[in-house]
């Protein structure tokens, strides 16, 4: 049960969606941030790759709602779908991703532990795999933003659907309309 009263329709709007409805003044900036970070084009990282970073960090933070939601959105936009997302979340080091993506996900994991955990060595390893300054910047910002989103969702004990169907339906909507739409 959520820590605050989100209204009679809280079952219809789980996770962050209920919180954004509760405080619409913050919904615009938060949705805008997600839209820019995860969907803006052109970008050297695909939308699916950026969602994968969000899902990975959310999983590390043990945020059930956000990890499930962003895993579904990533899977809907990656050629290898949910099997790849699950492999990355279970064992990054053996997952079939590019060296650049693995290096960026290592940076994201470092951010999740704490900003000072991002070392020169991690950044240089990402650059050695072909990561640009924009990709490194946005990886750090996506990871940091999702630490905030995860703590927002879990800090207010929002409800989270248990089956993948609800997340798949939301993923289809986000892929089609985005976060700000």
N, C-alpha and C. Protein backbone atom coordinates (compact mmCIF):
# COMPACT_ATOMS: atom_id res chain seq x y z
N UNK A 1 0.84 -1.18 0.00
CA UNK A 1 0.00 0.00 0.00
C UNK A 1 0.89 1.25 0.00
N UNK A 2 0.60 2.18 -0.90
CA UNK A 2 1.41 3.40 -0.96
C UNK A 2 1.39 4.17 0.36
N UNK A 3 2.48 4.87 0.62
CA UNK A 3 2.60 5.65 1.85
C UNK A 3 1.70 6.87 1.86
N UNK A 4 1.26 7.32 0.68
CA UNK A 4 0.36 8.47 0.60
C UNK A 4 -0.87 8.06 -0.20
N UNK A 5 -1.96 8.78 -0.02
CA UNK A 5 -3.21 8.50 -0.73
C UNK A 5 -3.10 9.03 -2.15
N UNK A 6 -3.03 8.12 -3.11
CA UNK A 6 -2.92 8.51 -4.52
C UNK A 6 -4.27 8.55 -5.21
N UNK A 7 -5.34 8.38 -4.44
CA UNK A 7 -6.67 8.45 -5.01
C UNK A 7 -7.25 7.08 -5.28
N UNK A 8 -8.52 7.07 -5.60
CA UNK A 8 -9.24 5.81 -5.78
C UNK A 8 -8.74 5.00 -6.97
N UNK A 9 -8.09 5.63 -7.94
CA UNK A 9 -7.65 4.91 -9.14
C UNK A 9 -6.19 4.50 -9.09
N UNK A 10 -5.61 4.37 -7.89
CA UNK A 10 -4.18 4.03 -7.79
C UNK A 10 -3.87 2.68 -8.41
N UNK A 11 -4.84 1.76 -8.45
CA UNK A 11 -4.63 0.46 -9.10
C UNK A 11 -4.45 0.63 -10.61
N UNK A 12 -5.11 1.63 -11.18
CA UNK A 12 -5.02 1.88 -12.62
C UNK A 12 -3.72 2.57 -13.01
N UNK A 13 -3.09 3.22 -12.05
CA UNK A 13 -1.89 3.99 -12.33
C UNK A 13 -0.78 3.59 -11.35
N UNK A 14 -0.17 2.43 -11.61
CA UNK A 14 0.87 1.94 -10.69
C UNK A 14 2.19 2.69 -10.86
N UNK A 15 3.09 2.43 -9.93
CA UNK A 15 4.44 2.98 -10.03
C UNK A 15 4.44 4.48 -10.15
N UNK A 16 5.31 4.96 -11.01
CA UNK A 16 5.48 6.41 -11.15
C UNK A 16 4.27 7.08 -11.77
N UNK A 17 3.46 6.34 -12.53
CA UNK A 17 2.31 6.96 -13.18
C UNK A 17 1.33 7.54 -12.16
N UNK A 18 1.10 6.85 -11.07
CA UNK A 18 0.23 7.37 -10.02
C UNK A 18 0.83 8.59 -9.35
N UNK A 19 2.14 8.56 -9.14
CA UNK A 19 2.82 9.71 -8.52
C UNK A 19 2.76 10.94 -9.41
N UNK A 20 2.91 10.74 -10.71
CA UNK A 20 2.86 11.86 -11.64
C UNK A 20 1.46 12.46 -11.72
N UNK A 21 0.45 11.61 -11.59
CA UNK A 21 -0.93 12.11 -11.55
C UNK A 21 -1.19 12.86 -10.24
N UNK A 22 -0.58 12.39 -9.16
CA UNK A 22 -0.77 13.02 -7.85
C UNK A 22 -0.21 14.44 -7.84
N UNK A 23 0.92 14.63 -8.49
CA UNK A 23 1.60 15.94 -8.48
C UNK A 23 1.95 16.33 -9.91
N UNK A 24 0.94 16.78 -10.68
CA UNK A 24 1.17 17.08 -12.10
C UNK A 24 2.21 18.17 -12.35
N UNK A 25 2.46 19.03 -11.36
CA UNK A 25 3.47 20.08 -11.54
C UNK A 25 4.86 19.48 -11.73
N UNK A 26 5.08 18.32 -11.15
CA UNK A 26 6.38 17.66 -11.33
C UNK A 26 6.38 16.70 -12.50
N UNK A 27 5.19 16.31 -12.95
CA UNK A 27 5.09 15.34 -14.05
C UNK A 27 5.74 15.87 -15.32
N UNK A 28 5.49 17.13 -15.65
CA UNK A 28 6.05 17.70 -16.88
C UNK A 28 7.56 17.64 -16.91
N UNK A 29 8.24 18.19 -15.90
CA UNK A 29 9.70 18.14 -15.92
C UNK A 29 10.26 16.71 -15.87
N UNK A 30 9.66 15.82 -15.07
CA UNK A 30 10.17 14.45 -14.98
C UNK A 30 9.96 13.70 -16.29
N UNK A 31 8.77 13.84 -16.88
CA UNK A 31 8.52 13.19 -18.17
C UNK A 31 9.41 13.80 -19.25
N UNK A 32 9.63 15.10 -19.18
CA UNK A 32 10.50 15.75 -20.15
C UNK A 32 11.93 15.24 -20.07
N UNK A 33 12.41 15.04 -18.85
CA UNK A 33 13.76 14.50 -18.66
C UNK A 33 13.85 13.09 -19.25
N UNK A 34 12.87 12.25 -18.95
CA UNK A 34 12.86 10.89 -19.49
C UNK A 34 12.80 10.92 -21.02
N UNK A 35 12.01 11.80 -21.56
CA UNK A 35 11.87 11.91 -23.03
C UNK A 35 13.21 12.27 -23.67
N UNK A 36 13.88 13.27 -23.12
CA UNK A 36 15.17 13.69 -23.69
C UNK A 36 16.21 12.59 -23.55
N UNK A 37 16.31 12.02 -22.37
CA UNK A 37 17.36 11.02 -22.13
C UNK A 37 17.13 9.73 -22.89
N UNK A 38 15.89 9.28 -22.98
CA UNK A 38 15.62 7.94 -23.51
C UNK A 38 15.14 7.92 -24.94
N UNK A 39 14.67 9.05 -25.46
CA UNK A 39 14.04 9.01 -26.78
C UNK A 39 14.55 10.05 -27.78
N UNK A 40 15.30 11.04 -27.35
CA UNK A 40 15.70 12.11 -28.28
C UNK A 40 16.49 11.53 -29.44
N UNK A 41 16.28 12.11 -30.59
CA UNK A 41 16.97 11.72 -31.82
C UNK A 41 17.45 13.00 -32.49
N UNK A 42 18.56 12.96 -33.20
CA UNK A 42 19.45 11.81 -33.34
C UNK A 42 20.26 11.59 -32.08
N UNK A 43 20.69 10.37 -31.89
CA UNK A 43 21.53 10.01 -30.75
C UNK A 43 22.35 8.80 -31.14
N UNK A 44 23.63 8.76 -30.74
CA UNK A 44 24.46 7.61 -31.12
C UNK A 44 24.03 6.29 -30.47
N UNK A 45 23.36 6.36 -29.32
CA UNK A 45 22.81 5.15 -28.70
C UNK A 45 21.35 5.02 -29.13
N UNK A 46 20.94 3.83 -29.45
CA UNK A 46 19.55 3.62 -29.84
C UNK A 46 18.63 3.83 -28.65
N UNK A 47 17.37 4.02 -28.92
CA UNK A 47 16.40 4.13 -27.83
C UNK A 47 16.40 2.86 -26.98
N UNK A 48 16.51 1.73 -27.62
CA UNK A 48 16.56 0.47 -26.88
C UNK A 48 17.76 0.37 -25.97
N UNK A 49 18.92 0.83 -26.44
CA UNK A 49 20.13 0.80 -25.61
C UNK A 49 19.99 1.73 -24.41
N UNK A 50 19.40 2.90 -24.63
CA UNK A 50 19.23 3.84 -23.52
C UNK A 50 18.23 3.30 -22.50
N UNK A 51 17.17 2.65 -22.98
CA UNK A 51 16.21 2.01 -22.07
C UNK A 51 16.88 0.86 -21.32
N UNK A 52 17.80 0.15 -21.98
CA UNK A 52 18.52 -0.94 -21.33
C UNK A 52 19.34 -0.41 -20.15
N UNK A 53 19.95 0.74 -20.31
CA UNK A 53 20.68 1.37 -19.21
C UNK A 53 19.72 1.65 -18.05
N UNK A 54 18.55 2.21 -18.36
CA UNK A 54 17.55 2.50 -17.32
C UNK A 54 17.09 1.21 -16.63
N UNK A 55 16.84 0.17 -17.40
CA UNK A 55 16.40 -1.10 -16.82
C UNK A 55 17.49 -1.72 -15.96
N UNK A 56 18.72 -1.66 -16.44
CA UNK A 56 19.85 -2.24 -15.71
C UNK A 56 20.04 -1.56 -14.36
N UNK A 57 20.06 -0.24 -14.36
CA UNK A 57 20.24 0.51 -13.11
C UNK A 57 19.05 0.27 -12.18
N UNK A 58 17.85 0.25 -12.73
CA UNK A 58 16.66 0.00 -11.90
C UNK A 58 16.71 -1.38 -11.26
N UNK A 59 17.23 -2.36 -11.99
CA UNK A 59 17.41 -3.69 -11.42
C UNK A 59 18.44 -3.69 -10.31
N UNK A 60 19.55 -2.98 -10.53
CA UNK A 60 20.58 -2.89 -9.48
C UNK A 60 20.01 -2.22 -8.23
N UNK A 61 19.08 -1.29 -8.42
CA UNK A 61 18.44 -0.60 -7.30
C UNK A 61 17.28 -1.41 -6.71
N UNK A 62 17.00 -2.57 -7.28
CA UNK A 62 15.92 -3.44 -6.80
C UNK A 62 14.57 -2.73 -6.83
N UNK A 63 14.37 -1.91 -7.85
CA UNK A 63 13.09 -1.24 -8.04
C UNK A 63 12.26 -2.09 -9.00
N UNK A 64 11.37 -2.88 -8.45
CA UNK A 64 10.59 -3.82 -9.26
C UNK A 64 9.80 -3.16 -10.36
N UNK A 65 9.12 -2.06 -10.03
CA UNK A 65 8.31 -1.39 -11.05
C UNK A 65 9.17 -0.86 -12.19
N UNK A 66 10.18 -0.07 -11.87
CA UNK A 66 10.99 0.56 -12.92
C UNK A 66 11.81 -0.47 -13.71
N UNK A 67 12.34 -1.48 -13.04
CA UNK A 67 13.12 -2.47 -13.78
C UNK A 67 12.21 -3.25 -14.73
N UNK A 68 11.01 -3.59 -14.30
CA UNK A 68 10.08 -4.30 -15.19
C UNK A 68 9.60 -3.40 -16.32
N UNK A 69 9.25 -2.17 -15.99
CA UNK A 69 8.74 -1.25 -17.01
C UNK A 69 9.80 -0.95 -18.07
N UNK A 70 11.00 -0.61 -17.65
CA UNK A 70 12.02 -0.24 -18.63
C UNK A 70 12.63 -1.44 -19.33
N UNK A 71 12.58 -2.60 -18.69
CA UNK A 71 12.96 -3.83 -19.40
C UNK A 71 12.01 -4.07 -20.55
N UNK A 72 10.72 -3.88 -20.32
CA UNK A 72 9.72 -4.08 -21.38
C UNK A 72 9.91 -3.07 -22.51
N UNK A 73 10.19 -1.81 -22.17
CA UNK A 73 10.38 -0.79 -23.20
C UNK A 73 11.67 -1.07 -23.98
N UNK A 74 12.72 -1.46 -23.29
CA UNK A 74 13.98 -1.82 -23.97
C UNK A 74 13.75 -3.00 -24.90
N UNK A 75 13.10 -4.04 -24.39
CA UNK A 75 12.87 -5.24 -25.18
C UNK A 75 12.06 -4.95 -26.44
N UNK A 76 11.12 -4.03 -26.33
CA UNK A 76 10.28 -3.67 -27.49
C UNK A 76 11.07 -2.95 -28.57
N UNK A 77 12.27 -2.45 -28.22
CA UNK A 77 13.05 -1.66 -29.18
C UNK A 77 14.39 -2.28 -29.54
N UNK A 78 14.69 -3.44 -28.97
CA UNK A 78 15.94 -4.13 -29.28
C UNK A 78 15.64 -5.36 -30.13
N UNK A 79 16.46 -5.61 -31.14
CA UNK A 79 16.24 -6.76 -32.02
C UNK A 79 16.18 -8.08 -31.25
N UNK A 80 16.98 -8.24 -30.23
CA UNK A 80 17.01 -9.49 -29.46
C UNK A 80 15.97 -9.54 -28.35
N UNK A 81 15.22 -8.46 -28.17
CA UNK A 81 14.09 -8.44 -27.25
C UNK A 81 14.41 -8.76 -25.80
N UNK A 82 13.42 -9.33 -25.12
CA UNK A 82 13.53 -9.60 -23.70
C UNK A 82 14.64 -10.59 -23.34
N UNK A 83 14.94 -11.59 -24.18
CA UNK A 83 16.05 -12.47 -23.80
C UNK A 83 17.36 -11.70 -23.57
N UNK A 84 17.64 -10.72 -24.42
CA UNK A 84 18.86 -9.93 -24.24
C UNK A 84 18.78 -9.11 -22.95
N UNK A 85 17.66 -8.46 -22.72
CA UNK A 85 17.50 -7.65 -21.51
C UNK A 85 17.71 -8.51 -20.27
N UNK A 86 17.11 -9.68 -20.27
CA UNK A 86 17.26 -10.58 -19.11
C UNK A 86 18.70 -11.05 -18.94
N UNK A 87 19.39 -11.30 -20.05
CA UNK A 87 20.80 -11.71 -19.96
C UNK A 87 21.65 -10.60 -19.37
N UNK A 88 21.43 -9.38 -19.82
CA UNK A 88 22.20 -8.24 -19.31
C UNK A 88 21.94 -8.07 -17.82
N UNK A 89 20.68 -8.13 -17.43
CA UNK A 89 20.34 -7.93 -16.02
C UNK A 89 20.86 -9.06 -15.14
N UNK A 90 20.95 -10.28 -15.69
CA UNK A 90 21.41 -11.42 -14.90
C UNK A 90 22.93 -11.49 -14.81
N UNK A 91 23.62 -11.18 -15.92
CA UNK A 91 25.08 -11.33 -15.94
C UNK A 91 25.66 -10.49 -17.08
N UNK A 92 25.94 -9.25 -16.79
CA UNK A 92 26.45 -8.33 -17.79
C UNK A 92 27.68 -8.87 -18.49
N UNK A 93 28.58 -9.49 -17.75
CA UNK A 93 29.86 -9.89 -18.33
C UNK A 93 29.71 -10.98 -19.40
N UNK A 94 28.68 -11.80 -19.33
CA UNK A 94 28.51 -12.84 -20.36
C UNK A 94 27.39 -12.51 -21.35
N UNK A 95 26.72 -11.40 -21.17
CA UNK A 95 25.63 -11.02 -22.07
C UNK A 95 26.16 -10.66 -23.45
N UNK A 96 25.42 -10.99 -24.49
CA UNK A 96 25.87 -10.71 -25.86
C UNK A 96 25.60 -9.27 -26.31
N UNK A 97 26.33 -8.34 -25.68
CA UNK A 97 26.25 -6.94 -26.08
C UNK A 97 27.62 -6.52 -26.60
N UNK A 98 27.67 -5.39 -27.27
CA UNK A 98 28.94 -4.89 -27.78
C UNK A 98 29.85 -4.51 -26.62
N UNK A 99 31.14 -4.45 -26.91
CA UNK A 99 32.10 -4.00 -25.90
C UNK A 99 31.78 -2.60 -25.42
N UNK A 100 31.34 -1.74 -26.34
CA UNK A 100 30.99 -0.37 -25.96
C UNK A 100 29.80 -0.38 -25.00
N UNK A 101 28.77 -1.17 -25.30
CA UNK A 101 27.60 -1.19 -24.43
C UNK A 101 27.95 -1.77 -23.06
N UNK A 102 28.78 -2.80 -23.03
CA UNK A 102 29.21 -3.39 -21.76
C UNK A 102 29.97 -2.34 -20.93
N UNK A 103 30.86 -1.59 -21.58
CA UNK A 103 31.63 -0.56 -20.88
C UNK A 103 30.71 0.54 -20.34
N UNK A 104 29.72 0.94 -21.13
CA UNK A 104 28.78 1.96 -20.67
C UNK A 104 27.92 1.44 -19.51
N UNK A 105 27.51 0.20 -19.58
CA UNK A 105 26.73 -0.38 -18.48
C UNK A 105 27.58 -0.50 -17.20
N UNK A 106 28.86 -0.73 -17.36
CA UNK A 106 29.75 -0.73 -16.18
C UNK A 106 29.79 0.66 -15.55
N UNK A 107 29.82 1.69 -16.39
CA UNK A 107 29.77 3.07 -15.87
C UNK A 107 28.45 3.30 -15.17
N UNK A 108 27.36 2.84 -15.77
CA UNK A 108 26.04 3.02 -15.15
C UNK A 108 25.99 2.34 -13.78
N UNK A 109 26.57 1.14 -13.68
CA UNK A 109 26.60 0.43 -12.40
C UNK A 109 27.42 1.20 -11.37
N UNK A 110 28.49 1.82 -11.82
CA UNK A 110 29.31 2.62 -10.91
C UNK A 110 28.51 3.82 -10.39
N UNK A 111 27.79 4.49 -11.28
CA UNK A 111 26.94 5.62 -10.86
C UNK A 111 25.93 5.14 -9.82
N UNK A 112 25.34 3.98 -10.04
CA UNK A 112 24.34 3.44 -9.12
C UNK A 112 24.93 3.27 -7.72
N UNK A 113 26.20 2.88 -7.65
CA UNK A 113 26.86 2.71 -6.35
C UNK A 113 27.21 4.07 -5.73
N UNK A 114 27.48 5.07 -6.57
CA UNK A 114 27.85 6.40 -6.11
C UNK A 114 28.65 7.11 -7.18
N UNK A 115 28.42 8.39 -7.34
CA UNK A 115 29.07 9.14 -8.41
C UNK A 115 30.59 9.04 -8.42
N UNK A 116 31.19 8.99 -7.25
CA UNK A 116 32.66 8.90 -7.17
C UNK A 116 33.18 7.53 -7.58
N UNK A 117 32.28 6.58 -7.80
CA UNK A 117 32.69 5.24 -8.24
C UNK A 117 33.02 5.21 -9.73
N UNK A 118 32.64 6.27 -10.45
CA UNK A 118 32.99 6.36 -11.87
C UNK A 118 34.44 6.81 -11.95
N UNK A 119 35.29 5.92 -12.41
CA UNK A 119 36.73 6.17 -12.41
C UNK A 119 37.22 6.53 -13.80
N UNK A 120 38.41 7.09 -13.84
CA UNK A 120 39.07 7.37 -15.10
C UNK A 120 39.21 6.08 -15.91
N UNK A 121 39.50 4.99 -15.22
CA UNK A 121 39.68 3.71 -15.91
C UNK A 121 38.39 3.25 -16.60
N UNK A 122 37.25 3.42 -15.93
CA UNK A 122 35.97 3.05 -16.54
C UNK A 122 35.68 3.91 -17.77
N UNK A 123 35.93 5.19 -17.65
CA UNK A 123 35.69 6.11 -18.77
C UNK A 123 36.65 5.80 -19.93
N UNK A 124 37.92 5.59 -19.62
CA UNK A 124 38.89 5.27 -20.67
C UNK A 124 38.56 3.94 -21.34
N UNK A 125 38.07 2.97 -20.57
CA UNK A 125 37.68 1.68 -21.16
C UNK A 125 36.51 1.87 -22.12
N UNK A 126 35.57 2.74 -21.76
CA UNK A 126 34.45 3.01 -22.67
C UNK A 126 34.94 3.73 -23.93
N UNK A 127 35.82 4.67 -23.76
CA UNK A 127 36.38 5.37 -24.94
C UNK A 127 37.14 4.40 -25.83
N UNK A 128 37.88 3.48 -25.23
CA UNK A 128 38.63 2.48 -26.01
C UNK A 128 37.70 1.59 -26.83
N UNK A 129 36.46 1.45 -26.37
CA UNK A 129 35.46 0.66 -27.10
C UNK A 129 34.66 1.52 -28.10
N UNK A 130 35.03 2.80 -28.19
CA UNK A 130 34.39 3.67 -29.17
C UNK A 130 33.32 4.60 -28.62
N UNK A 131 33.13 4.64 -27.32
CA UNK A 131 32.12 5.52 -26.73
C UNK A 131 32.53 6.98 -26.88
N UNK A 132 31.57 7.81 -27.23
CA UNK A 132 31.79 9.24 -27.38
C UNK A 132 31.53 9.95 -26.05
N UNK A 133 31.93 11.21 -25.97
CA UNK A 133 31.64 11.99 -24.77
C UNK A 133 30.14 12.08 -24.54
N UNK A 134 29.35 12.23 -25.58
CA UNK A 134 27.89 12.30 -25.44
C UNK A 134 27.34 10.99 -24.86
N UNK A 135 27.84 9.86 -25.34
CA UNK A 135 27.36 8.57 -24.83
C UNK A 135 27.74 8.38 -23.37
N UNK A 136 28.94 8.78 -23.00
CA UNK A 136 29.39 8.67 -21.61
C UNK A 136 28.56 9.62 -20.73
N UNK A 137 28.40 10.85 -21.18
CA UNK A 137 27.59 11.83 -20.45
C UNK A 137 26.18 11.31 -20.22
N UNK A 138 25.54 10.86 -21.30
CA UNK A 138 24.15 10.45 -21.18
C UNK A 138 24.00 9.16 -20.38
N UNK A 139 24.98 8.28 -20.43
CA UNK A 139 24.94 7.08 -19.58
C UNK A 139 24.95 7.47 -18.12
N UNK A 140 25.84 8.39 -17.75
CA UNK A 140 25.91 8.84 -16.36
C UNK A 140 24.60 9.52 -15.96
N UNK A 141 24.06 10.36 -16.83
CA UNK A 141 22.83 11.06 -16.50
C UNK A 141 21.63 10.12 -16.44
N UNK A 142 21.53 9.16 -17.35
CA UNK A 142 20.45 8.18 -17.29
C UNK A 142 20.54 7.40 -15.98
N UNK A 143 21.74 6.94 -15.64
CA UNK A 143 21.91 6.17 -14.40
C UNK A 143 21.54 7.01 -13.18
N UNK A 144 22.00 8.25 -13.14
CA UNK A 144 21.70 9.12 -12.01
C UNK A 144 20.20 9.41 -11.93
N UNK A 145 19.59 9.71 -13.07
CA UNK A 145 18.16 9.99 -13.09
C UNK A 145 17.35 8.79 -12.63
N UNK A 146 17.77 7.59 -13.04
CA UNK A 146 17.01 6.42 -12.64
C UNK A 146 17.24 6.04 -11.18
N UNK A 147 18.35 6.43 -10.61
CA UNK A 147 18.48 6.29 -9.16
C UNK A 147 17.42 7.16 -8.49
N UNK A 148 17.23 8.38 -8.99
CA UNK A 148 16.21 9.27 -8.44
C UNK A 148 14.81 8.69 -8.68
N UNK A 149 14.50 8.30 -9.92
CA UNK A 149 13.18 7.75 -10.22
C UNK A 149 12.89 6.52 -9.36
N UNK A 150 13.87 5.63 -9.22
CA UNK A 150 13.70 4.41 -8.43
C UNK A 150 13.39 4.75 -6.97
N UNK A 151 14.10 5.70 -6.43
CA UNK A 151 13.89 6.07 -5.03
C UNK A 151 12.55 6.78 -4.85
N UNK A 152 12.11 7.52 -5.84
CA UNK A 152 10.80 8.17 -5.82
C UNK A 152 9.70 7.11 -5.77
N UNK A 153 9.77 6.14 -6.67
CA UNK A 153 8.77 5.08 -6.76
C UNK A 153 8.76 4.22 -5.49
N UNK A 154 9.93 3.77 -5.06
CA UNK A 154 10.00 2.89 -3.89
C UNK A 154 9.86 3.64 -2.58
N UNK A 155 10.32 4.89 -2.54
CA UNK A 155 10.22 5.67 -1.31
C UNK A 155 8.79 5.98 -0.91
N UNK A 156 7.88 5.96 -1.88
CA UNK A 156 6.47 6.18 -1.58
C UNK A 156 5.67 4.88 -1.68
N UNK A 157 6.39 3.75 -1.80
CA UNK A 157 5.78 2.41 -1.78
C UNK A 157 4.64 2.27 -2.79
N UNK A 158 4.88 2.70 -4.01
CA UNK A 158 3.83 2.60 -5.02
C UNK A 158 3.56 1.14 -5.37
N UNK A 159 2.41 0.92 -5.95
CA UNK A 159 2.01 -0.42 -6.37
C UNK A 159 2.72 -0.77 -7.67
N UNK A 160 2.99 -2.06 -7.84
CA UNK A 160 3.63 -2.54 -9.07
C UNK A 160 2.91 -3.79 -9.54
N UNK A 161 2.47 -3.80 -10.81
CA UNK A 161 1.86 -5.01 -11.34
C UNK A 161 2.84 -6.18 -11.26
N UNK A 162 2.32 -7.38 -11.13
CA UNK A 162 3.20 -8.54 -11.02
C UNK A 162 3.39 -9.27 -12.33
N UNK A 163 2.48 -9.14 -13.28
CA UNK A 163 2.61 -9.85 -14.55
C UNK A 163 3.22 -9.00 -15.63
N UNK A 164 3.88 -9.64 -16.60
CA UNK A 164 4.52 -8.89 -17.68
C UNK A 164 3.53 -8.22 -18.64
N UNK A 165 2.28 -8.63 -18.65
CA UNK A 165 1.30 -8.08 -19.61
C UNK A 165 1.12 -6.57 -19.43
N UNK A 166 1.00 -6.14 -18.19
CA UNK A 166 0.80 -4.70 -17.93
C UNK A 166 1.99 -3.89 -18.41
N UNK A 167 3.17 -4.40 -18.21
CA UNK A 167 4.38 -3.69 -18.63
C UNK A 167 4.51 -3.68 -20.15
N UNK A 168 4.14 -4.78 -20.80
CA UNK A 168 4.21 -4.84 -22.27
C UNK A 168 3.24 -3.84 -22.89
N UNK A 169 2.06 -3.71 -22.32
CA UNK A 169 1.08 -2.74 -22.85
C UNK A 169 1.60 -1.32 -22.69
N UNK A 170 2.17 -1.01 -21.53
CA UNK A 170 2.73 0.32 -21.31
C UNK A 170 3.91 0.56 -22.24
N UNK A 171 4.72 -0.47 -22.48
CA UNK A 171 5.87 -0.33 -23.38
C UNK A 171 5.41 0.02 -24.79
N UNK A 172 4.36 -0.63 -25.26
CA UNK A 172 3.84 -0.31 -26.60
C UNK A 172 3.40 1.14 -26.68
N UNK A 173 2.76 1.63 -25.63
CA UNK A 173 2.31 3.02 -25.61
C UNK A 173 3.51 3.98 -25.61
N UNK A 174 4.53 3.68 -24.80
CA UNK A 174 5.70 4.56 -24.72
C UNK A 174 6.47 4.55 -26.04
N UNK A 175 6.64 3.39 -26.65
CA UNK A 175 7.33 3.32 -27.94
C UNK A 175 6.60 4.17 -28.97
N UNK A 176 5.28 4.13 -28.95
CA UNK A 176 4.48 4.87 -29.94
C UNK A 176 4.37 6.36 -29.61
N UNK A 177 4.20 6.70 -28.34
CA UNK A 177 3.87 8.07 -27.97
C UNK A 177 4.93 8.80 -27.17
N UNK A 178 5.84 8.07 -26.55
CA UNK A 178 6.86 8.69 -25.73
C UNK A 178 6.41 8.95 -24.31
N UNK A 179 7.26 9.61 -23.56
CA UNK A 179 6.98 9.88 -22.16
C UNK A 179 6.23 11.19 -21.98
N UNK A 180 6.45 12.13 -22.84
CA UNK A 180 5.81 13.45 -22.69
C UNK A 180 4.44 13.49 -23.36
N UNK A 181 4.09 12.44 -24.12
CA UNK A 181 2.84 12.45 -24.87
C UNK A 181 1.66 11.87 -24.21
